[in-house]
PDB file of N, CA and C in Angstrom:
ATOM      1  N   UNK A   1      78.475 115.505 -22.935  1.00  0.00           N
ATOM      2  CA  UNK A   1      77.662 114.815 -23.981  1.00  0.00           C
ATOM      3  C   UNK A   1      78.515 113.129 -24.004  1.00  0.00           C
ATOM      4  N   UNK A   2      79.912 113.065 -23.690  1.00  0.00           N
ATOM      5  CA  UNK A   2      80.654 111.485 -23.515  1.00  0.00           C
ATOM      6  C   UNK A   2      80.233 111.306 -21.895  1.00  0.00           C
ATOM      7  N   UNK A   3      80.020 112.227 -21.269  1.00  0.00           N
ATOM      8  CA  UNK A   3      80.048 111.759 -19.963  1.00  0.00           C
ATOM      9  C   UNK A   3      78.724 111.127 -19.573  1.00  0.00           C
ATOM     10  N   UNK A   4      77.923 112.222 -20.387  1.00  0.00           N
ATOM     11  CA  UNK A   4      76.217 111.149 -19.911  1.00  0.00           C
ATOM     12  C   UNK A   4      76.351 109.872 -20.658  1.00  0.00           C
ATOM     13  N   UNK A   5      76.907 109.485 -22.007  1.00  0.00           N
ATOM     14  CA  UNK A   5      76.868 108.294 -22.432  1.00  0.00           C
ATOM     15  C   UNK A   5      77.731 107.112 -21.533  1.00  0.00           C
ATOM     16  N   UNK A   6      78.576 107.877 -21.256  1.00  0.00           N
ATOM     17  CA  UNK A   6      79.079 106.847 -20.026  1.00  0.00           C
ATOM     18  C   UNK A   6      78.662 106.636 -18.939  1.00  0.00           C
ATOM     19  N   UNK A   7      77.934 107.547 -17.954  1.00  0.00           N
ATOM     20  CA  UNK A   7      77.056 107.455 -17.049  1.00  0.00           C
ATOM     21  C   UNK A   7      75.926 106.492 -17.180  1.00  0.00           C
ATOM     22  N   UNK A   8      75.319 107.055 -18.548  1.00  0.00           N
ATOM     23  CA  UNK A   8      73.982 106.175 -18.460  1.00  0.00           C
ATOM     24  C   UNK A   8      74.468 104.511 -18.561  1.00  0.00           C
ATOM     25  N   UNK A   9      75.651 104.243 -19.555  1.00  0.00           N
ATOM     26  CA  UNK A   9      75.942 102.769 -19.725  1.00  0.00           C
ATOM     27  C   UNK A   9      76.548 102.248 -18.326  1.00  0.00           C
ATOM     28  N   UNK A  10      76.950 102.657 -17.630  1.00  0.00           N
ATOM     29  CA  UNK A  10      77.674 102.210 -16.147  1.00  0.00           C
ATOM     30  C   UNK A  10      76.257 102.208 -15.237  1.00  0.00           C
ATOM     31  N   UNK A  11      75.204 103.033 -15.408  1.00  0.00           N
ATOM     32  CA  UNK A  11      74.060 103.332 -15.243  1.00  0.00           C
ATOM     33  C   UNK A  11      73.143 101.634 -15.172  1.00  0.00           C
ATOM     34  N   UNK A  12      72.994 101.474 -16.755  1.00  0.00           N
ATOM     35  CA  UNK A  12      72.698  99.981 -17.286  1.00  0.00           C
ATOM     36  C   UNK A  12      73.442  98.703 -16.783  1.00  0.00           C
ATOM     37  N   UNK A  13      74.901  98.796 -16.898  1.00  0.00           N
ATOM     38  CA  UNK A  13      75.327  97.549 -16.280  1.00  0.00           C
ATOM     39  C   UNK A  13      75.157  97.525 -14.702  1.00  0.00           C
ATOM     40  N   UNK A  14      74.995  98.283 -13.853  1.00  0.00           N
ATOM     41  CA  UNK A  14      74.472  97.885 -12.266  1.00  0.00           C
ATOM     42  C   UNK A  14      73.145  97.538 -12.522  1.00  0.00           C
ATOM     43  N   UNK A  15      72.648  97.958 -13.170  1.00  0.00           N
ATOM     44  CA  UNK A  15      70.785  97.701 -12.969  1.00  0.00           C
ATOM     45  C   UNK A  15      70.798  96.726 -13.970  1.00  0.00           C
ATOM     46  N   UNK A  16      71.430  96.165 -14.592  1.00  0.00           N
ATOM     47  CA  UNK A  16      71.393  94.410 -14.973  1.00  0.00           C
ATOM     48  C   UNK A  16      72.271  93.623 -14.071  1.00  0.00           C
ATOM     49  N   UNK A  17      73.339  94.035 -13.320  1.00  0.00           N
ATOM     50  CA  UNK A  17      73.565  92.914 -12.665  1.00  0.00           C
ATOM     51  C   UNK A  17      73.127  92.927 -11.351  1.00  0.00           C
ATOM     52  N   UNK A  18      72.209  93.990 -11.351  1.00  0.00           N
ATOM     53  CA  UNK A  18      70.798  93.920  -9.760  1.00  0.00           C
ATOM     54  C   UNK A  18      70.070  93.095 -10.060  1.00  0.00           C
ATOM     55  N   UNK A  19      69.695  93.050 -11.533  1.00  0.00           N
ATOM     56  CA  UNK A  19      68.330  91.993 -11.945  1.00  0.00           C
ATOM     57  C   UNK A  19      69.011  90.331 -11.946  1.00  0.00           C
ATOM     58  N   UNK A  20      70.010  90.317 -12.444  1.00  0.00           N
ATOM     59  CA  UNK A  20      70.563  88.969 -12.093  1.00  0.00           C
ATOM     60  C   UNK A  20      71.128  88.521 -10.478  1.00  0.00           C
ATOM     61  N   UNK A  21      71.313  89.132 -10.285  1.00  0.00           N
ATOM     62  CA  UNK A  21      71.417  88.841  -8.786  1.00  0.00           C
ATOM     63  C   UNK A  21      69.569  88.228  -7.767  1.00  0.00           C
ATOM     64  N   UNK A  22      68.822  89.400  -8.359  1.00  0.00           N
ATOM     65  CA  UNK A  22      67.294  89.453  -7.720  1.00  0.00           C
ATOM     66  C   UNK A  22      66.931  87.742  -8.574  1.00  0.00           C
ATOM     67  N   UNK A  23      67.077  87.722  -9.601  1.00  0.00           N
ATOM     68  CA  UNK A  23      66.540  86.350 -10.507  1.00  0.00           C
ATOM     69  C   UNK A  23      67.351  84.970  -9.366  1.00  0.00           C
ATOM     70  N   UNK A  24      68.180  84.902  -8.922  1.00  0.00           N
ATOM     71  CA  UNK A  24      68.854  84.262  -8.325  1.00  0.00           C
ATOM     72  C   UNK A  24      68.463  83.916  -6.688  1.00  0.00           C
ATOM     73  N   UNK A  25      68.039  84.879  -6.499  1.00  0.00           N
ATOM     74  CA  UNK A  25      67.709  84.615  -4.995  1.00  0.00           C
ATOM     75  C   UNK A  25      66.171  84.059  -4.829  1.00  0.00           C
ATOM     76  N   UNK A  26      65.910  82.929  -4.383  1.00  0.00           N
ATOM     77  CA  UNK A  26      64.885  82.181  -4.308  1.00  0.00           C
ATOM     78  C   UNK A  26      63.895  82.851  -3.479  1.00  0.00           C
ATOM     79  N   UNK A  27      62.483  83.088  -4.191  1.00  0.00           N
ATOM     80  CA  UNK A  27      61.059  83.748  -4.078  1.00  0.00           C
ATOM     81  C   UNK A  27      60.623  83.179  -2.859  1.00  0.00           C
ATOM     82  N   UNK A  28      60.152  84.267  -2.243  1.00  0.00           N
ATOM     83  CA  UNK A  28      58.742  83.782  -1.038  1.00  0.00           C
ATOM     84  C   UNK A  28      57.631  83.497  -1.758  1.00  0.00           C
ATOM     85  N   UNK A  29      56.637  82.624  -1.050  1.00  0.00           N
ATOM     86  CA  UNK A  29      55.661  82.197  -1.269  1.00  0.00           C
ATOM     87  C   UNK A  29      54.607  83.190  -0.723  1.00  0.00           C
ATOM     88  N   UNK A  30      54.171  84.290  -1.428  1.00  0.00           N
ATOM     89  CA  UNK A  30      53.621  85.075  -0.771  1.00  0.00           C
ATOM     90  C   UNK A  30      51.380  85.147  -0.965  1.00  0.00           C
ATOM     91  N   UNK A  31      50.949  84.613   0.820  1.00  0.00           N
ATOM     92  CA  UNK A  31      50.117  84.411   0.613  1.00  0.00           C
ATOM     93  C   UNK A  31      48.834  85.664   1.093  1.00  0.00           C
ATOM     94  N   UNK A  32      49.223  86.692   1.199  1.00  0.00           N
ATOM     95  CA  UNK A  32      48.587  87.476   2.082  1.00  0.00           C
ATOM     96  C   UNK A  32      47.370  87.971   1.163  1.00  0.00           C
ATOM     97  N   UNK A  33      46.620  87.428   0.473  1.00  0.00           N
ATOM     98  CA  UNK A  33      45.160  87.543  -0.243  1.00  0.00           C
ATOM     99  C   UNK A  33      44.373  86.107  -0.124  1.00  0.00           C
ATOM    100  N   UNK A  34      45.474  84.948   0.269  1.00  0.00           N
ATOM    101  CA  UNK A  34      44.676  83.613   0.110  1.00  0.00           C
ATOM    102  C   UNK A  34      43.887  84.003   1.680  1.00  0.00           C
ATOM    103  N   UNK A  35      42.789  82.954   1.757  1.00  0.00           N
ATOM    104  CA  UNK A  35      41.982  83.367   2.664  1.00  0.00           C
ATOM    105  C   UNK A  35      42.545  82.339   3.604  1.00  0.00           C
ATOM    106  N   UNK A  36      41.808  81.884   4.890  1.00  0.00           N
ATOM    107  CA  UNK A  36      42.050  81.049   5.550  1.00  0.00           C
ATOM    108  C   UNK A  36      41.340  79.901   5.806  1.00  0.00           C
ATOM    109  N   UNK A  37      42.004  78.491   6.535  1.00  0.00           N
ATOM    110  CA  UNK A  37      40.799  77.541   6.203  1.00  0.00           C
ATOM    111  C   UNK A  37      39.642  77.630   6.648  1.00  0.00           C
ATOM    112  N   UNK A  38      38.511  76.628   5.926  1.00  0.00           N
ATOM    113  CA  UNK A  38      37.365  76.839   6.102  1.00  0.00           C
ATOM    114  C   UNK A  38      37.028  75.833   7.749  1.00  0.00           C
ATOM    115  N   UNK A  39      36.009  75.784   8.232  1.00  0.00           N
ATOM    116  CA  UNK A  39      35.289  75.106   9.346  1.00  0.00           C
ATOM    117  C   UNK A  39      35.769  72.859   8.733  1.00  0.00           C
ATOM    118  N   UNK A  40      35.310  72.967   7.651  1.00  0.00           N
ATOM    119  CA  UNK A  40      35.192  71.604   6.909  1.00  0.00           C
ATOM    120  C   UNK A  40      36.920  71.318   7.024  1.00  0.00           C
ATOM    121  N   UNK A  41      37.900  72.373   5.908  1.00  0.00           N
ATOM    122  CA  UNK A  41      39.061  71.661   5.757  1.00  0.00           C
ATOM    123  C   UNK A  41      39.715  71.617   7.559  1.00  0.00           C
ATOM    124  N   UNK A  42      39.214  72.322   8.520  1.00  0.00           N
ATOM    125  CA  UNK A  42      39.748  71.528   9.965  1.00  0.00           C
ATOM    126  C   UNK A  42      39.461  70.600  10.522  1.00  0.00           C
ATOM    127  N   UNK A  43      38.180  70.621  10.049  1.00  0.00           N
ATOM    128  CA  UNK A  43      37.712  69.305  10.725  1.00  0.00           C
ATOM    129  C   UNK A  43      37.924  68.517  10.117  1.00  0.00           C
ATOM    130  N   UNK A  44      38.210  67.746   8.802  1.00  0.00           N
ATOM    131  CA  UNK A  44      38.725  67.048   8.223  1.00  0.00           C
ATOM    132  C   UNK A  44      40.247  66.624   8.688  1.00  0.00           C
ATOM    133  N   UNK A  45      41.291  67.845   8.549  1.00  0.00           N
ATOM    134  CA  UNK A  45      42.360  67.403   9.515  1.00  0.00           C
ATOM    135  C   UNK A  45      42.319  66.641  10.431  1.00  0.00           C
ATOM    136  N   UNK A  46      41.134  67.198  11.535  1.00  0.00           N
ATOM    137  CA  UNK A  46      41.179  66.319  13.094  1.00  0.00           C
ATOM    138  C   UNK A  46      40.875  65.068  12.842  1.00  0.00           C
ATOM    139  N   UNK A  47      39.750  64.376  12.318  1.00  0.00           N
ATOM    140  CA  UNK A  47      39.300  63.312  12.091  1.00  0.00           C
ATOM    141  C   UNK A  47      40.552  62.240  11.092  1.00  0.00           C
ATOM    142  N   UNK A  48      41.377  62.102  11.900  1.00  0.00           N
ATOM    143  CA  UNK A  48      42.379  61.085  12.088  1.00  0.00           C
ATOM    144  C   UNK A  48      41.508  59.893  11.383  1.00  0.00           C
ATOM    145  N   UNK A  49      41.921  59.111  10.016  1.00  0.00           N
ATOM    146  CA  UNK A  49      41.442  57.695   9.952  1.00  0.00           C
ATOM    147  C   UNK A  49      42.374  56.235   9.804  1.00  0.00           C
ATOM    148  N   UNK A  50      44.085  57.108  10.401  1.00  0.00           N
ATOM    149  CA  UNK A  50      44.786  55.811  10.525  1.00  0.00           C
ATOM    150  C   UNK A  50      46.060  56.392  11.557  1.00  0.00           C
ATOM    151  N   UNK A  51      46.490  55.262  11.849  1.00  0.00           N
ATOM    152  CA  UNK A  51      47.471  55.758  12.678  1.00  0.00           C
ATOM    153  C   UNK A  51      48.900  56.497  12.799  1.00  0.00           C
ATOM    154  N   UNK A  52      49.143  56.473  10.971  1.00  0.00           N
ATOM    155  CA  UNK A  52      49.886  57.680  10.696  1.00  0.00           C
ATOM    156  C   UNK A  52      49.440  58.996  10.029  1.00  0.00           C
ATOM    157  N   UNK A  53      48.412  59.665  10.138  1.00  0.00           N
ATOM    158  CA  UNK A  53      47.660  60.407   9.754  1.00  0.00           C
ATOM    159  C   UNK A  53      48.510  62.004  10.153  1.00  0.00           C
ATOM    160  N   UNK A  54      48.768  62.900   9.116  1.00  0.00           N
ATOM    161  CA  UNK A  54      49.470  63.796   9.733  1.00  0.00           C
ATOM    162  C   UNK A  54      48.660  64.740  10.636  1.00  0.00           C
ATOM    163  N   UNK A  55      49.931  65.491  11.777  1.00  0.00           N
ATOM    164  CA  UNK A  55      48.648  66.458  12.482  1.00  0.00           C
ATOM    165  C   UNK A  55      49.485  67.686  12.329  1.00  0.00           C
ATOM    166  N   UNK A  56      48.897  68.906  12.790  1.00  0.00           N
ATOM    167  CA  UNK A  56      49.496  70.203  12.726  1.00  0.00           C
ATOM    168  C   UNK A  56      49.611  70.181  14.585  1.00  0.00           C
ATOM    169  N   UNK A  57      48.877  69.909  15.374  1.00  0.00           N
ATOM    170  CA  UNK A  57      49.262  70.514  16.552  1.00  0.00           C
ATOM    171  C   UNK A  57      48.526  69.513  17.323  1.00  0.00           C
ATOM    172  N   UNK A  58      49.489  69.659  18.580  1.00  0.00           N
ATOM    173  CA  UNK A  58      48.536  68.536  19.329  1.00  0.00           C
ATOM    174  C   UNK A  58      47.479  68.168  19.633  1.00  0.00           C
ATOM    175  N   UNK A  59      46.137  68.862  19.788  1.00  0.00           N
ATOM    176  CA  UNK A  59      45.292  68.766  20.049  1.00  0.00           C
ATOM    177  C   UNK A  59      44.251  68.212  18.953  1.00  0.00           C
ATOM    178  N   UNK A  60      44.768  68.634  17.386  1.00  0.00           N
ATOM    179  CA  UNK A  60      44.835  67.846  16.239  1.00  0.00           C
ATOM    180  C   UNK A  60      44.886  65.702  16.247  1.00  0.00           C
ATOM    181  N   UNK A  61      45.376  65.737  17.189  1.00  0.00           N
ATOM    182  CA  UNK A  61      46.308  64.062  17.060  1.00  0.00           C
ATOM    183  C   UNK A  61      45.055  63.265  17.674  1.00  0.00           C
ATOM    184  N   UNK A  62      44.831  61.962  17.034  1.00  0.00           N
ATOM    185  CA  UNK A  62      43.660  60.899  17.387  1.00  0.00           C
ATOM    186  C   UNK A  62      44.353  59.632  17.610  1.00  0.00           C
ATOM    187  N   UNK A  63      46.022  59.569  17.435  1.00  0.00           N
ATOM    188  CA  UNK A  63      46.476  58.170  18.264  1.00  0.00           C
ATOM    189  C   UNK A  63      47.363  58.462  18.765  1.00  0.00           C
ATOM    190  N   UNK A  64      48.112  57.645  19.367  1.00  0.00           N
ATOM    191  CA  UNK A  64      49.473  57.334  20.017  1.00  0.00           C
ATOM    192  C   UNK A  64      50.658  57.871  19.005  1.00  0.00           C
ATOM    193  N   UNK A  65      50.834  57.511  17.791  1.00  0.00           N
ATOM    194  CA  UNK A  65      51.511  57.565  17.234  1.00  0.00           C
ATOM    195  C   UNK A  65      51.459  59.070  16.513  1.00  0.00           C
ATOM    196  N   UNK A  66      50.427  58.995  16.348  1.00  0.00           N
ATOM    197  CA  UNK A  66      50.219  60.795  15.683  1.00  0.00           C
ATOM    198  C   UNK A  66      50.789  61.534  16.916  1.00  0.00           C
ATOM    199  N   UNK A  67      50.614  61.791  18.269  1.00  0.00           N
ATOM    200  CA  UNK A  67      50.103  62.253  19.579  1.00  0.00           C
ATOM    201  C   UNK A  67      52.074  62.153  19.705  1.00  0.00           C
ATOM    202  N   UNK A  68      53.009  61.326  19.445  1.00  0.00           N
ATOM    203  CA  UNK A  68      54.304  61.499  19.475  1.00  0.00           C
ATOM    204  C   UNK A  68      55.109  62.430  18.414  1.00  0.00           C
ATOM    205  N   UNK A  69      54.609  62.183  17.438  1.00  0.00           N
ATOM    206  CA  UNK A  69      55.001  63.005  16.664  1.00  0.00           C
ATOM    207  C   UNK A  69      54.454  64.761  16.364  1.00  0.00           C
ATOM    208  N   UNK A  70      53.418  65.131  17.253  1.00  0.00           N
ATOM    209  CA  UNK A  70      52.950  66.234  17.551  1.00  0.00           C
ATOM    210  C   UNK A  70      53.656  66.976  18.637  1.00  0.00           C
ATOM    211  N   UNK A  71      54.200  65.863  19.725  1.00  0.00           N
ATOM    212  CA  UNK A  71      54.341  66.613  21.014  1.00  0.00           C
ATOM    213  C   UNK A  71      56.272  67.405  20.548  1.00  0.00           C
TER     214      UNK A  71
END
């Protein structure tokens, strides 16, 4: 009976330390249920309004400064 109690206490300590370490680990963003961008969202990103517009890919660039950032 005493061995069982000691075993349960050791298991509880190990589980609590594991939970503490997992809590400190940075959480990754999970987007497997999110949908992709719509055509309107893609088009909005491509239509640059100024020289410093953000672009993701080289074919999204609308100006020379944006092209330099993408390259």
